[in-house]
PDB file of N, CA and C in Angstrom:
ATOM      1  N   MET A   1     -13.488  -2.622  61.685  1.00  0.00           N
ATOM      2  CA  MET A   1     -14.065  -1.535  60.976  1.00  0.00           C
ATOM      3  C   MET A   1     -15.376  -1.574  61.383  1.00  0.00           C
ATOM      4  N   VAL A   2     -15.954  -0.219  61.292  1.00  0.00           N
ATOM      5  CA  VAL A   2     -17.021   0.192  62.234  1.00  0.00           C
ATOM      6  C   VAL A   2     -18.058   0.064  61.181  1.00  0.00           C
ATOM      7  N   PRO A   3     -19.124  -0.164  61.449  1.00  0.00           N
ATOM      8  CA  PRO A   3     -20.319  -0.305  60.168  1.00  0.00           C
ATOM      9  C   PRO A   3     -20.599   1.562  59.588  1.00  0.00           C
ATOM     10  N   MET A   4     -21.216   1.509  58.622  1.00  0.00           N
ATOM     11  CA  MET A   4     -22.156   2.669  58.534  1.00  0.00           C
ATOM     12  C   MET A   4     -23.054   2.748  59.064  1.00  0.00           C
ATOM     13  N   MET A   5     -23.638   3.794  59.286  1.00  0.00           N
ATOM     14  CA  MET A   5     -25.308   3.914  59.428  1.00  0.00           C
ATOM     15  C   MET A   5     -26.142   4.733  58.684  1.00  0.00           C
ATOM     16  N   GLN A   6     -26.964   4.321  57.996  1.00  0.00           N
ATOM     17  CA  GLN A   6     -27.747   4.897  57.361  1.00  0.00           C
ATOM     18  C   GLN A   6     -29.162   5.656  57.822  1.00  0.00           C
ATOM     19  N   MET A   7     -29.347   6.977  57.142  1.00  0.00           N
ATOM     20  CA  MET A   7     -29.935   7.876  58.107  1.00  0.00           C
ATOM     21  C   MET A   7     -31.423   7.128  57.069  1.00  0.00           C
ATOM     22  N   THR A   8     -32.785   6.566  58.173  1.00  0.00           N
ATOM     23  CA  THR A   8     -33.834   6.403  56.938  1.00  0.00           C
ATOM     24  C   THR A   8     -34.727   7.731  57.583  1.00  0.00           C
ATOM     25  N   GLU A   9     -35.939   7.293  56.827  1.00  0.00           N
ATOM     26  CA  GLU A   9     -36.431   8.714  56.799  1.00  0.00           C
ATOM     27  C   GLU A   9     -37.508   8.608  57.724  1.00  0.00           C
ATOM     28  N   GLY A  10     -37.533   7.685  58.656  1.00  0.00           N
ATOM     29  CA  GLY A  10     -37.518   8.178  60.075  1.00  0.00           C
ATOM     30  C   GLY A  10     -36.512   8.500  61.182  1.00  0.00           C
ATOM     31  N   LEU A  11     -35.278   9.104  60.702  1.00  0.00           N
ATOM     32  CA  LEU A  11     -34.206   9.226  61.176  1.00  0.00           C
ATOM     33  C   LEU A  11     -33.835   8.473  62.081  1.00  0.00           C
ATOM     34  N   VAL A  12     -33.781   7.038  61.788  1.00  0.00           N
ATOM     35  CA  VAL A  12     -33.322   5.869  62.646  1.00  0.00           C
ATOM     36  C   VAL A  12     -32.361   5.149  62.218  1.00  0.00           C
ATOM     37  N   PRO A  13     -30.876   5.896  62.600  1.00  0.00           N
ATOM     38  CA  PRO A  13     -29.798   4.839  62.134  1.00  0.00           C
ATOM     39  C   PRO A  13     -30.058   3.703  61.909  1.00  0.00           C
ATOM     40  N   GLU A  14     -29.462   2.883  60.790  1.00  0.00           N
ATOM     41  CA  GLU A  14     -29.231   1.365  60.460  1.00  0.00           C
ATOM     42  C   GLU A  14     -28.044   1.225  59.781  1.00  0.00           C
ATOM     43  N   PRO A  15     -27.604   0.196  60.399  1.00  0.00           N
ATOM     44  CA  PRO A  15     -26.060  -0.415  59.462  1.00  0.00           C
ATOM     45  C   PRO A  15     -26.134  -0.453  58.175  1.00  0.00           C
ATOM     46  N   GLU A  16     -25.386  -0.130  57.249  1.00  0.00           N
ATOM     47  CA  GLU A  16     -25.275  -0.042  56.047  1.00  0.00           C
ATOM     48  C   GLU A  16     -24.535  -0.649  54.936  1.00  0.00           C
ATOM     49  N   MET A  17     -23.293  -0.237  55.515  1.00  0.00           N
ATOM     50  CA  MET A  17     -21.697  -0.420  54.655  1.00  0.00           C
ATOM     51  C   MET A  17     -20.876   0.068  55.380  1.00  0.00           C
ATOM     52  N   GLU A  18     -19.461  -0.493  54.724  1.00  0.00           N
ATOM     53  CA  GLU A  18     -18.329  -0.123  56.360  1.00  0.00           C
ATOM     54  C   GLU A  18     -18.202   1.142  55.429  1.00  0.00           C
ATOM     55  N   PHE A  19     -17.390   2.426  56.001  1.00  0.00           N
ATOM     56  CA  PHE A  19     -16.940   3.255  55.672  1.00  0.00           C
ATOM     57  C   PHE A  19     -16.646   3.354  54.181  1.00  0.00           C
ATOM     58  N   GLU A  20     -15.263   2.734  54.239  1.00  0.00           N
ATOM     59  CA  GLU A  20     -14.082   2.245  52.715  1.00  0.00           C
ATOM     60  C   GLU A  20     -15.236   1.923  51.603  1.00  0.00           C
ATOM     61  N   ASN A  21     -16.277   1.665  52.199  1.00  0.00           N
ATOM     62  CA  ASN A  21     -16.675   1.067  50.718  1.00  0.00           C
ATOM     63  C   ASN A  21     -17.632   2.004  50.163  1.00  0.00           C
ATOM     64  N   TRP A  22     -18.631   2.322  51.092  1.00  0.00           N
ATOM     65  CA  TRP A  22     -19.212   4.146  50.350  1.00  0.00           C
ATOM     66  C   TRP A  22     -18.518   4.816  49.614  1.00  0.00           C
ATOM     67  N   ARG A  23     -17.278   4.874  50.298  1.00  0.00           N
ATOM     68  CA  ARG A  23     -16.244   5.932  49.303  1.00  0.00           C
ATOM     69  C   ARG A  23     -16.183   5.611  48.177  1.00  0.00           C
ATOM     70  N   GLU A  24     -15.713   4.748  48.084  1.00  0.00           N
ATOM     71  CA  GLU A  24     -15.344   4.008  46.732  1.00  0.00           C
ATOM     72  C   GLU A  24     -16.942   4.346  45.352  1.00  0.00           C
ATOM     73  N   LEU A  25     -17.469   4.347  45.847  1.00  0.00           N
ATOM     74  CA  LEU A  25     -18.924   4.100  44.933  1.00  0.00           C
ATOM     75  C   LEU A  25     -19.489   5.411  44.577  1.00  0.00           C
ATOM     76  N   ALA A  26     -18.909   6.608  45.414  1.00  0.00           N
ATOM     77  CA  ALA A  26     -19.444   7.936  45.629  1.00  0.00           C
ATOM     78  C   ALA A  26     -19.132   9.349  43.841  1.00  0.00           C
ATOM     79  N   ALA A  27     -20.540   9.353  43.880  1.00  0.00           N
ATOM     80  CA  ALA A  27     -19.749  10.077  42.748  1.00  0.00           C
ATOM     81  C   ALA A  27     -19.204  11.126  42.127  1.00  0.00           C
ATOM     82  N   CYS A  28     -19.206  12.209  43.585  1.00  0.00           N
ATOM     83  CA  CYS A  28     -17.471  12.966  43.696  1.00  0.00           C
ATOM     84  C   CYS A  28     -16.261  12.544  43.599  1.00  0.00           C
ATOM     85  N   VAL A  29     -16.148  10.891  43.826  1.00  0.00           N
ATOM     86  CA  VAL A  29     -15.048  10.730  43.153  1.00  0.00           C
ATOM     87  C   VAL A  29     -14.621  10.631  41.974  1.00  0.00           C
ATOM     88  N   ARG A  30     -15.472  10.472  41.101  1.00  0.00           N
ATOM     89  CA  ARG A  30     -15.639  10.054  39.442  1.00  0.00           C
ATOM     90  C   ARG A  30     -15.559  11.616  38.560  1.00  0.00           C
ATOM     91  N   LEU A  31     -15.381  12.463  39.705  1.00  0.00           N
ATOM     92  CA  LEU A  31     -14.947  14.126  39.397  1.00  0.00           C
ATOM     93  C   LEU A  31     -13.298  14.223  39.468  1.00  0.00           C
ATOM     94  N   ASP A  32     -12.946  15.261  37.792  1.00  0.00           N
ATOM     95  CA  ASP A  32     -11.796  15.745  38.388  1.00  0.00           C
ATOM     96  C   ASP A  32     -11.800  16.619  39.443  1.00  0.00           C
ATOM     97  N   GLU A  33     -10.243  16.861  40.179  1.00  0.00           N
ATOM     98  CA  GLU A  33     -10.273  18.030  41.357  1.00  0.00           C
ATOM     99  C   GLU A  33     -10.696  19.197  40.469  1.00  0.00           C
ATOM    100  N   GLY A  34     -11.654  19.550  41.529  1.00  0.00           N
ATOM    101  CA  GLY A  34     -11.480  20.945  41.183  1.00  0.00           C
ATOM    102  C   GLY A  34     -12.934  21.391  40.645  1.00  0.00           C
ATOM    103  N   GLU A  35     -13.554  20.512  39.880  1.00  0.00           N
ATOM    104  CA  GLU A  35     -14.514  20.292  38.918  1.00  0.00           C
ATOM    105  C   GLU A  35     -15.712  21.176  39.773  1.00  0.00           C
ATOM    106  N   VAL A  36     -16.287  20.399  40.451  1.00  0.00           N
ATOM    107  CA  VAL A  36     -17.166  20.616  41.679  1.00  0.00           C
ATOM    108  C   VAL A  36     -16.281  21.341  43.230  1.00  0.00           C
ATOM    109  N   ASP A  37     -17.026  22.694  44.096  1.00  0.00           N
ATOM    110  CA  ASP A  37     -16.242  22.813  44.628  1.00  0.00           C
ATOM    111  C   ASP A  37     -17.639  22.279  45.952  1.00  0.00           C
ATOM    112  N   PHE A  38     -17.219  20.708  46.960  1.00  0.00           N
ATOM    113  CA  PHE A  38     -18.077  20.858  47.735  1.00  0.00           C
ATOM    114  C   PHE A  38     -18.332  21.576  49.193  1.00  0.00           C
ATOM    115  N   PHE A  39     -17.173  22.413  49.003  1.00  0.00           N
ATOM    116  CA  PHE A  39     -16.982  23.198  50.286  1.00  0.00           C
ATOM    117  C   PHE A  39     -16.983  25.387  50.015  1.00  0.00           C
ATOM    118  N   PRO A  40     -17.978  25.060  49.265  1.00  0.00           N
ATOM    119  CA  PRO A  40     -18.402  26.480  49.038  1.00  0.00           C
ATOM    120  C   PRO A  40     -18.426  27.657  50.082  1.00  0.00           C
ATOM    121  N   ASP A  41     -18.937  28.406  49.886  1.00  0.00           N
ATOM    122  CA  ASP A  41     -19.176  29.974  50.766  1.00  0.00           C
ATOM    123  C   ASP A  41     -20.228  29.655  50.909  1.00  0.00           C
ATOM    124  N   PRO A  42     -20.677  29.481  52.514  1.00  0.00           N
ATOM    125  CA  PRO A  42     -22.023  29.391  52.543  1.00  0.00           C
ATOM    126  C   PRO A  42     -23.080  30.190  51.492  1.00  0.00           C
ATOM    127  N   GLU A  43     -22.790  31.186  51.220  1.00  0.00           N
ATOM    128  CA  GLU A  43     -23.576  32.424  50.431  1.00  0.00           C
ATOM    129  C   GLU A  43     -23.668  32.168  48.848  1.00  0.00           C
ATOM    130  N   ASP A  44     -22.670  31.432  48.798  1.00  0.00           N
ATOM    131  CA  ASP A  44     -22.813  31.043  47.208  1.00  0.00           C
ATOM    132  C   ASP A  44     -23.362  30.438  46.986  1.00  0.00           C
ATOM    133  N   VAL A  45     -24.560  30.867  46.695  1.00  0.00           N
ATOM    134  CA  VAL A  45     -25.962  29.188  46.363  1.00  0.00           C
ATOM    135  C   VAL A  45     -25.731  28.734  44.772  1.00  0.00           C
ATOM    136  N   GLY A  46     -24.928  29.423  43.512  1.00  0.00           N
ATOM    137  CA  GLY A  46     -24.967  28.683  42.777  1.00  0.00           C
ATOM    138  C   GLY A  46     -23.908  27.551  42.775  1.00  0.00           C
ATOM    139  N   ALA A  47     -22.934  27.938  43.906  1.00  0.00           N
ATOM    140  CA  ALA A  47     -21.914  26.308  43.940  1.00  0.00           C
ATOM    141  C   ALA A  47     -22.372  25.428  44.463  1.00  0.00           C
ATOM    142  N   ILE A  48     -23.703  26.095  45.368  1.00  0.00           N
ATOM    143  CA  ILE A  48     -24.481  25.162  46.653  1.00  0.00           C
ATOM    144  C   ILE A  48     -25.012  24.187  45.297  1.00  0.00           C
ATOM    145  N   ALA A  49     -25.547  25.123  44.750  1.00  0.00           N
ATOM    146  CA  ALA A  49     -26.725  24.389  43.618  1.00  0.00           C
ATOM    147  C   ALA A  49     -25.816  22.639  42.643  1.00  0.00           C
ATOM    148  N   VAL A  50     -24.570  23.568  42.343  1.00  0.00           N
ATOM    149  CA  VAL A  50     -23.974  22.558  41.397  1.00  0.00           C
ATOM    150  C   VAL A  50     -23.451  21.204  42.659  1.00  0.00           C
ATOM    151  N   ALA A  51     -23.020  21.555  43.679  1.00  0.00           N
ATOM    152  CA  ALA A  51     -22.576  20.385  44.361  1.00  0.00           C
ATOM    153  C   ALA A  51     -23.923  19.232  44.777  1.00  0.00           C
ATOM    154  N   LYS A  52     -24.944  20.115  45.411  1.00  0.00           N
ATOM    155  CA  LYS A  52     -25.900  18.994  45.594  1.00  0.00           C
ATOM    156  C   LYS A  52     -26.679  18.514  43.902  1.00  0.00           C
ATOM    157  N   ALA A  53     -26.274  19.303  43.160  1.00  0.00           N
ATOM    158  CA  ALA A  53     -26.858  18.299  41.667  1.00  0.00           C
ATOM    159  C   ALA A  53     -25.999  16.923  41.661  1.00  0.00           C
ATOM    160  N   VAL A  54     -24.635  17.060  41.921  1.00  0.00           N
ATOM    161  CA  VAL A  54     -23.742  16.159  41.618  1.00  0.00           C
ATOM    162  C   VAL A  54     -24.449  14.996  43.083  1.00  0.00           C
ATOM    163  N   CYS A  55     -24.913  15.383  43.986  1.00  0.00           N
ATOM    164  CA  CYS A  55     -25.492  14.493  45.029  1.00  0.00           C
ATOM    165  C   CYS A  55     -26.600  13.840  44.793  1.00  0.00           C
ATOM    166  N   ALA A  56     -27.350  14.408  43.911  1.00  0.00           N
ATOM    167  CA  ALA A  56     -28.474  13.869  43.625  1.00  0.00           C
ATOM    168  C   ALA A  56     -28.238  13.154  42.843  1.00  0.00           C
ATOM    169  N   THR A  57     -27.390  12.792  42.086  1.00  0.00           N
ATOM    170  CA  THR A  57     -27.389  11.381  41.216  1.00  0.00           C
ATOM    171  C   THR A  57     -26.285  10.075  41.805  1.00  0.00           C
ATOM    172  N   CYS A  58     -26.088  10.683  43.422  1.00  0.00           N
ATOM    173  CA  CYS A  58     -24.823   9.688  43.857  1.00  0.00           C
ATOM    174  C   CYS A  58     -25.402   8.608  44.431  1.00  0.00           C
ATOM    175  N   PRO A  59     -24.898   7.563  43.735  1.00  0.00           N
ATOM    176  CA  PRO A  59     -25.614   6.294  44.912  1.00  0.00           C
ATOM    177  C   PRO A  59     -25.752   6.130  46.011  1.00  0.00           C
ATOM    178  N   VAL A  60     -24.266   6.561  47.119  1.00  0.00           N
ATOM    179  CA  VAL A  60     -24.059   6.547  48.031  1.00  0.00           C
ATOM    180  C   VAL A  60     -24.476   7.645  48.974  1.00  0.00           C
ATOM    181  N   ALA A  61     -25.453   8.798  48.366  1.00  0.00           N
ATOM    182  CA  ALA A  61     -25.797  10.002  49.458  1.00  0.00           C
ATOM    183  C   ALA A  61     -26.329   9.789  50.684  1.00  0.00           C
ATOM    184  N   GLU A  62     -27.030   8.802  50.984  1.00  0.00           N
ATOM    185  CA  GLU A  62     -27.674   8.608  52.005  1.00  0.00           C
ATOM    186  C   GLU A  62     -26.544   7.936  53.226  1.00  0.00           C
ATOM    187  N   GLU A  63     -25.736   7.628  52.853  1.00  0.00           N
ATOM    188  CA  GLU A  63     -24.274   7.108  53.504  1.00  0.00           C
ATOM    189  C   GLU A  63     -23.559   7.957  53.893  1.00  0.00           C
ATOM    190  N   CYS A  64     -23.140   8.943  52.690  1.00  0.00           N
ATOM    191  CA  CYS A  64     -22.298   9.749  52.786  1.00  0.00           C
ATOM    192  C   CYS A  64     -23.307  10.957  54.174  1.00  0.00           C
ATOM    193  N   LEU A  65     -24.484  11.234  53.750  1.00  0.00           N
ATOM    194  CA  LEU A  65     -24.667  12.066  55.090  1.00  0.00           C
ATOM    195  C   LEU A  65     -24.873  11.909  56.339  1.00  0.00           C
ATOM    196  N   ALA A  66     -24.798  10.025  56.489  1.00  0.00           N
ATOM    197  CA  ALA A  66     -24.943   9.422  57.754  1.00  0.00           C
ATOM    198  C   ALA A  66     -23.974  10.024  58.413  1.00  0.00           C
ATOM    199  N   TYR A  67     -23.044   9.637  57.311  1.00  0.00           N
ATOM    200  CA  TYR A  67     -21.104  10.051  58.405  1.00  0.00           C
ATOM    201  C   TYR A  67     -21.372  11.199  58.297  1.00  0.00           C
ATOM    202  N   ALA A  68     -21.491  12.201  57.609  1.00  0.00           N
ATOM    203  CA  ALA A  68     -21.204  13.581  58.360  1.00  0.00           C
ATOM    204  C   ALA A  68     -21.731  14.386  59.397  1.00  0.00           C
ATOM    205  N   ILE A  69     -23.490  13.358  59.169  1.00  0.00           N
ATOM    206  CA  ILE A  69     -23.740  13.657  60.837  1.00  0.00           C
ATOM    207  C   ILE A  69     -23.643  12.601  61.997  1.00  0.00           C
ATOM    208  N   GLU A  70     -22.897  11.383  61.858  1.00  0.00           N
ATOM    209  CA  GLU A  70     -22.171  11.044  63.085  1.00  0.00           C
ATOM    210  C   GLU A  70     -20.990  11.371  63.366  1.00  0.00           C
ATOM    211  N   THR A  71     -20.290  12.184  62.418  1.00  0.00           N
ATOM    212  CA  THR A  71     -18.842  12.829  62.534  1.00  0.00           C
ATOM    213  C   THR A  71     -19.072  14.009  62.709  1.00  0.00           C
ATOM    214  N   ASN A  72     -19.960  14.353  62.936  1.00  0.00           N
ATOM    215  CA  ASN A  72     -20.767  16.313  63.188  1.00  0.00           C
ATOM    216  C   ASN A  72     -19.290  16.863  62.010  1.00  0.00           C
ATOM    217  N   GLN A  73     -20.073  16.894  61.031  1.00  0.00           N
ATOM    218  CA  GLN A  73     -18.814  17.574  59.749  1.00  0.00           C
ATOM    219  C   GLN A  73     -19.415  18.723  59.669  1.00  0.00           C
ATOM    220  N   SER A  74     -18.958  20.311  60.291  1.00  0.00           N
ATOM    221  CA  SER A  74     -19.523  21.151  60.482  1.00  0.00           C
ATOM    222  C   SER A  74     -19.036  22.156  59.180  1.00  0.00           C
ATOM    223  N   GLU A  75     -18.190  21.638  57.977  1.00  0.00           N
ATOM    224  CA  GLU A  75     -18.582  22.573  56.622  1.00  0.00           C
ATOM    225  C   GLU A  75     -18.707  21.723  55.484  1.00  0.00           C
ATOM    226  N   GLY A  76     -19.280  22.114  54.369  1.00  0.00           N
ATOM    227  CA  GLY A  76     -19.114  21.810  53.268  1.00  0.00           C
ATOM    228  C   GLY A  76     -20.410  21.152  52.567  1.00  0.00           C
ATOM    229  N   ILE A  77     -20.775  20.502  51.446  1.00  0.00           N
ATOM    230  CA  ILE A  77     -21.895  19.816  51.393  1.00  0.00           C
ATOM    231  C   ILE A  77     -21.570  18.169  51.323  1.00  0.00           C
ATOM    232  N   TRP A  78     -22.631  17.654  52.330  1.00  0.00           N
ATOM    233  CA  TRP A  78     -21.959  15.980  52.590  1.00  0.00           C
ATOM    234  C   TRP A  78     -23.904  15.323  51.977  1.00  0.00           C
ATOM    235  N   GLY A  79     -23.893  14.729  51.254  1.00  0.00           N
ATOM    236  CA  GLY A  79     -25.016  13.855  51.134  1.00  0.00           C
ATOM    237  C   GLY A  79     -26.458  14.531  50.845  1.00  0.00           C
ATOM    238  N   GLY A  80     -25.866  15.972  49.865  1.00  0.00           N
ATOM    239  CA  GLY A  80     -26.683  16.558  49.664  1.00  0.00           C
ATOM    240  C   GLY A  80     -27.393  18.060  50.204  1.00  0.00           C
ATOM    241  N   LEU A  81     -26.718  17.916  51.528  1.00  0.00           N
ATOM    242  CA  LEU A  81     -27.331  19.180  52.664  1.00  0.00           C
ATOM    243  C   LEU A  81     -25.990  19.646  52.868  1.00  0.00           C
ATOM    244  N   THR A  82     -26.100  20.992  52.951  1.00  0.00           N
ATOM    245  CA  THR A  82     -25.485  22.160  53.488  1.00  0.00           C
ATOM    246  C   THR A  82     -25.121  21.934  54.884  1.00  0.00           C
ATOM    247  N   ALA A  83     -23.943  22.516  55.582  1.00  0.00           N
ATOM    248  CA  ALA A  83     -24.193  22.032  57.343  1.00  0.00           C
ATOM    249  C   ALA A  83     -25.058  22.630  57.880  1.00  0.00           C
ATOM    250  N   LYS A  84     -25.394  23.714  57.550  1.00  0.00           N
ATOM    251  CA  LYS A  84     -27.005  24.268  58.311  1.00  0.00           C
ATOM    252  C   LYS A  84     -28.165  23.273  58.308  1.00  0.00           C
ATOM    253  N   GLU A  85     -28.501  22.899  57.160  1.00  0.00           N
ATOM    254  CA  GLU A  85     -29.092  21.777  57.112  1.00  0.00           C
ATOM    255  C   GLU A  85     -28.971  20.691  57.551  1.00  0.00           C
ATOM    256  N   ARG A  86     -27.698  20.422  57.619  1.00  0.00           N
ATOM    257  CA  ARG A  86     -27.567  18.640  58.690  1.00  0.00           C
ATOM    258  C   ARG A  86     -27.682  19.264  59.846  1.00  0.00           C
ATOM    259  N   ALA A  87     -27.457  20.485  60.595  1.00  0.00           N
ATOM    260  CA  ALA A  87     -27.393  20.573  61.835  1.00  0.00           C
ATOM    261  C   ALA A  87     -28.849  20.507  62.241  1.00  0.00           C
ATOM    262  N   ARG A  88     -30.082  20.874  61.292  1.00  0.00           N
ATOM    263  CA  ARG A  88     -30.949  20.554  61.558  1.00  0.00           C
ATOM    264  C   ARG A  88     -31.714  19.664  61.630  1.00  0.00           C
ATOM    265  N   LEU A  89     -31.097  18.651  60.709  1.00  0.00           N
ATOM    266  CA  LEU A  89     -31.871  17.026  60.545  1.00  0.00           C
ATOM    267  C   LEU A  89     -30.793  16.674  61.926  1.00  0.00           C
ATOM    268  N   ARG A  90     -30.129  16.838  62.629  1.00  0.00           N
ATOM    269  CA  ARG A  90     -29.099  16.078  63.899  1.00  0.00           C
ATOM    270  C   ARG A  90     -29.810  16.475  64.740  1.00  0.00           C
ATOM    271  N   ARG A  91     -30.520  17.526  64.578  1.00  0.00           N
ATOM    272  CA  ARG A  91     -30.894  18.077  66.086  1.00  0.00           C
ATOM    273  C   ARG A  91     -32.341  17.631  66.057  1.00  0.00           C
ATOM    274  N   ARG A  92     -33.054  16.959  65.042  1.00  0.00           N
ATOM    275  CA  ARG A  92     -34.561  16.759  64.785  1.00  0.00           C
ATOM    276  C   ARG A  92     -34.449  15.256  65.712  1.00  0.00           C
ATOM    277  N   TRP A  93     -32.864  14.698  64.967  1.00  0.00           N
ATOM    278  CA  TRP A  93     -32.839  13.011  65.013  1.00  0.00           C
ATOM    279  C   TRP A  93     -32.430  12.806  66.710  1.00  0.00           C
ATOM    280  N   LEU A  94     -32.007  13.519  67.282  1.00  0.00           N
ATOM    281  CA  LEU A  94     -31.373  13.494  68.222  1.00  0.00           C
ATOM    282  C   LEU A  94     -32.214  13.806  69.621  1.00  0.00           C
ATOM    283  N   GLU A  95     -33.152  14.584  68.940  1.00  0.00           N
ATOM    284  CA  GLU A  95     -34.492  15.280  69.714  1.00  0.00           C
ATOM    285  C   GLU A  95     -35.567  14.039  69.868  1.00  0.00           C
ATOM    286  N   ARG A  96     -35.724  13.151  68.277  1.00  0.00           N
ATOM    287  CA  ARG A  96     -36.373  11.610  68.308  1.00  0.00           C
ATOM    288  C   ARG A  96     -35.632  10.844  69.091  1.00  0.00           C
ATOM    289  N   MET A  97     -34.750  10.481  69.787  1.00  0.00           N
ATOM    290  CA  MET A  97     -33.566   9.688  70.395  1.00  0.00           C
ATOM    291  C   MET A  97     -34.375   9.784  71.582  1.00  0.00           C
ATOM    292  N   ARG A  98     -34.041  11.064  71.912  1.00  0.00           N
ATOM    293  CA  ARG A  98     -34.363  11.328  73.903  1.00  0.00           C
ATOM    294  C   ARG A  98     -35.669  10.606  73.863  1.00  0.00           C
ATOM    295  N   ARG A  99     -36.940  11.045  73.288  1.00  0.00           N
ATOM    296  CA  ARG A  99     -37.858  10.994  73.492  1.00  0.00           C
ATOM    297  C   ARG A  99     -38.330   9.581  73.343  1.00  0.00           C
ATOM    298  N   ALA A 100     -37.667   9.088  72.619  1.00  0.00           N
ATOM    299  CA  ALA A 100     -37.635   7.054  72.594  1.00  0.00           C
ATOM    300  C   ALA A 100     -37.206   7.008  73.331  1.00  0.00           C
ATOM    301  N   SER A 101     -36.473   7.180  74.232  1.00  0.00           N
ATOM    302  CA  SER A 101     -35.931   6.622  75.419  1.00  0.00           C
ATOM    303  C   SER A 101     -36.511   6.848  76.817  1.00  0.00           C
TER     304      SER A 101
END
């Protein structure tokens, strides 16, 4: 199995847990289908806020965010961030990786 990468404050990936394990612990898994829209219209600030609130309580939000960045998810709320927020984070992370090498 491929190890999950965790995004740390320094934006350096670190092995954390396997993909399948973190998903089982996710807060969104305990919700009824359709209760929260994790793929809202990018202009629907209310729906985005609701999804982010669920992510804020999630014990595996960092793993979720790392997965979304690693797999370049272009839609939805993952780890508490929108696609635009993840893209900015990914750019900063890649820039730091380039400077470090």
